[in-house]
């Protein structure tokens, strides 16, 4: 038997047939156009939150200050009456009012600093 060895010779590939090296970037040949999606189309707002949020924070700050004072001031005024049973507790109501105003001032300062001093958020 006659055996013939067939040797394969490398063929020259044309530039269009060159193998593409593996790379993380894929070149797109088709024309792409960006379309808006539901996530990005309706993000515009009226800007009312720029007025509503500071107004709400200011109202809460006033409530933090006013509610305890509405309770403590009548107790203090009642303690000034000589015939009242709480005449000796005038010092207590003054101390409570000072403490309440001091604690409320710290809380109000923090809330105003957080919500109202971000100047970039309140400009149009």
Protein backbone atom coordinates (compact mmCIF):
# COMPACT_ATOMS: atom_id res chain seq x y z
CA UNK A 1 0.00 0.00 0.00
CA UNK A 2 1.13 3.26 -0.95
CA UNK A 3 0.76 5.88 1.70
CA UNK A 4 0.91 9.44 0.81
CA UNK A 5 1.39 12.03 3.42
CA UNK A 6 -0.64 15.05 2.97
CA UNK A 7 0.89 18.11 4.47
CA UNK A 8 -1.24 21.09 5.08
CA UNK A 9 0.31 24.29 4.05
CA UNK A 10 -0.72 27.43 5.82
CA UNK A 11 -2.93 29.51 3.65
CA UNK A 12 -2.68 33.23 3.53
CA UNK A 13 -5.83 34.81 4.89
CA UNK A 14 -7.15 37.98 3.41
CA UNK A 15 -7.42 41.03 5.71
CA UNK A 16 -11.19 40.56 5.98
CA UNK A 17 -10.76 36.98 7.17
CA UNK A 18 -8.23 37.67 9.92
CA UNK A 19 -9.26 36.30 13.27
CA UNK A 20 -10.45 38.92 15.72
CA UNK A 21 -8.35 39.06 18.86
CA UNK A 22 -10.28 38.62 22.10
CA UNK A 23 -10.76 42.03 23.68
CA UNK A 24 -13.26 43.38 26.15
CA UNK A 25 -14.33 46.10 23.75
CA UNK A 26 -16.64 45.22 20.91
CA UNK A 27 -16.81 47.65 18.08
CA UNK A 28 -20.35 48.30 16.96
CA UNK A 29 -20.86 48.91 13.30
CA UNK A 30 -24.56 49.70 13.35
CA UNK A 31 -25.92 53.17 14.02
CA UNK A 32 -27.15 53.55 17.58
CA UNK A 33 -29.50 56.17 18.86
CA UNK A 34 -30.29 56.81 22.51
CA UNK A 35 -33.96 56.83 23.40
CA UNK A 36 -35.42 58.08 26.67
CA UNK A 37 -36.75 55.54 29.09
CA UNK A 38 -39.38 55.76 31.79
CA UNK A 39 -36.59 56.18 34.34
CA UNK A 40 -35.34 59.42 32.84
CA UNK A 41 -38.28 61.07 31.13
CA UNK A 42 -40.44 62.10 34.07
CA UNK A 43 -37.83 63.37 36.50
CA UNK A 44 -38.76 67.02 36.13
CA UNK A 45 -40.70 68.41 39.03
CA UNK A 46 -42.44 71.68 39.68
CA UNK A 47 -39.88 72.80 42.25
CA UNK A 48 -42.53 73.19 44.95
CA UNK A 49 -40.53 70.99 47.30
CA UNK A 50 -38.00 73.83 47.54
CA UNK A 51 -40.69 75.85 49.31
CA UNK A 52 -42.70 73.12 51.03
CA UNK A 53 -39.77 71.39 52.78
CA UNK A 54 -38.33 74.55 54.43
CA UNK A 55 -41.82 75.70 55.42
CA UNK A 56 -42.54 72.29 56.98
CA UNK A 57 -39.21 72.29 58.85
CA UNK A 58 -39.83 75.80 60.16
CA UNK A 59 -43.33 74.81 61.35
CA UNK A 60 -41.89 71.77 63.14
CA UNK A 61 -39.24 73.95 64.78
CA UNK A 62 -41.92 76.32 66.02
CA UNK A 63 -43.92 73.37 67.34
CA UNK A 64 -40.86 72.01 69.17
CA UNK A 65 -40.53 75.35 70.89
CA UNK A 66 -44.22 76.21 71.42
CA UNK A 67 -45.78 72.99 72.73
CA UNK A 68 -43.70 72.70 75.92
CA UNK A 69 -43.96 76.46 76.50
CA UNK A 70 -47.76 76.25 76.22
CA UNK A 71 -47.65 73.77 79.09
CA UNK A 72 -44.93 75.34 81.26
CA UNK A 73 -45.89 79.04 81.10
CA UNK A 74 -49.38 78.54 82.63
CA UNK A 75 -47.80 76.40 85.37
CA UNK A 76 -45.28 79.18 86.05
CA UNK A 77 -47.99 81.86 86.12
CA UNK A 78 -50.09 79.69 88.46
CA UNK A 79 -47.11 79.28 90.80
CA UNK A 80 -46.89 83.08 91.19
CA UNK A 81 -50.31 83.11 92.87
CA UNK A 82 -49.80 83.25 96.62
CA UNK A 83 -52.96 81.28 97.38
CA UNK A 84 -52.02 78.39 95.02
CA UNK A 85 -50.64 75.12 96.36
CA UNK A 86 -47.72 75.32 93.91
CA UNK A 87 -46.44 78.68 95.20
CA UNK A 88 -43.10 77.20 96.30
CA UNK A 89 -42.43 75.62 92.89
CA UNK A 90 -41.74 78.81 90.96
CA UNK A 91 -38.05 77.90 90.73
CA UNK A 92 -38.98 74.54 89.20
CA UNK A 93 -41.02 76.05 86.37
CA UNK A 94 -38.31 78.64 85.60
CA UNK A 95 -35.70 75.86 85.49
CA UNK A 96 -37.91 73.71 83.26
CA UNK A 97 -38.54 76.62 80.87
CA UNK A 98 -34.81 77.40 80.61
CA UNK A 99 -33.96 73.72 80.01
CA UNK A 100 -36.72 73.34 77.43
CA UNK A 101 -35.68 76.44 75.51
CA UNK A 102 -32.01 75.33 75.59
CA UNK A 103 -32.74 71.79 74.34
CA UNK A 104 -35.18 73.11 71.74
CA UNK A 105 -32.54 75.59 70.53
CA UNK A 106 -30.04 72.76 69.98
CA UNK A 107 -32.62 70.66 68.10
CA UNK A 108 -33.82 73.62 66.03
CA UNK A 109 -30.23 74.59 65.16
CA UNK A 110 -29.56 71.05 63.94
CA UNK A 111 -32.74 70.85 61.87
CA UNK A 112 -32.16 74.25 60.27
CA UNK A 113 -28.55 73.38 59.52
CA UNK A 114 -29.55 70.09 57.89
CA UNK A 115 -32.52 71.27 55.85
CA UNK A 116 -32.00 74.96 55.15
CA UNK A 117 -28.28 75.56 54.67
CA UNK A 118 -27.81 73.55 51.49
CA UNK A 119 -27.69 76.64 49.32
CA UNK A 120 -27.40 74.72 46.05
CA UNK A 121 -30.67 72.93 46.64
CA UNK A 122 -32.70 76.11 47.02
CA UNK A 123 -31.63 77.96 43.91
CA UNK A 124 -33.40 77.84 40.60
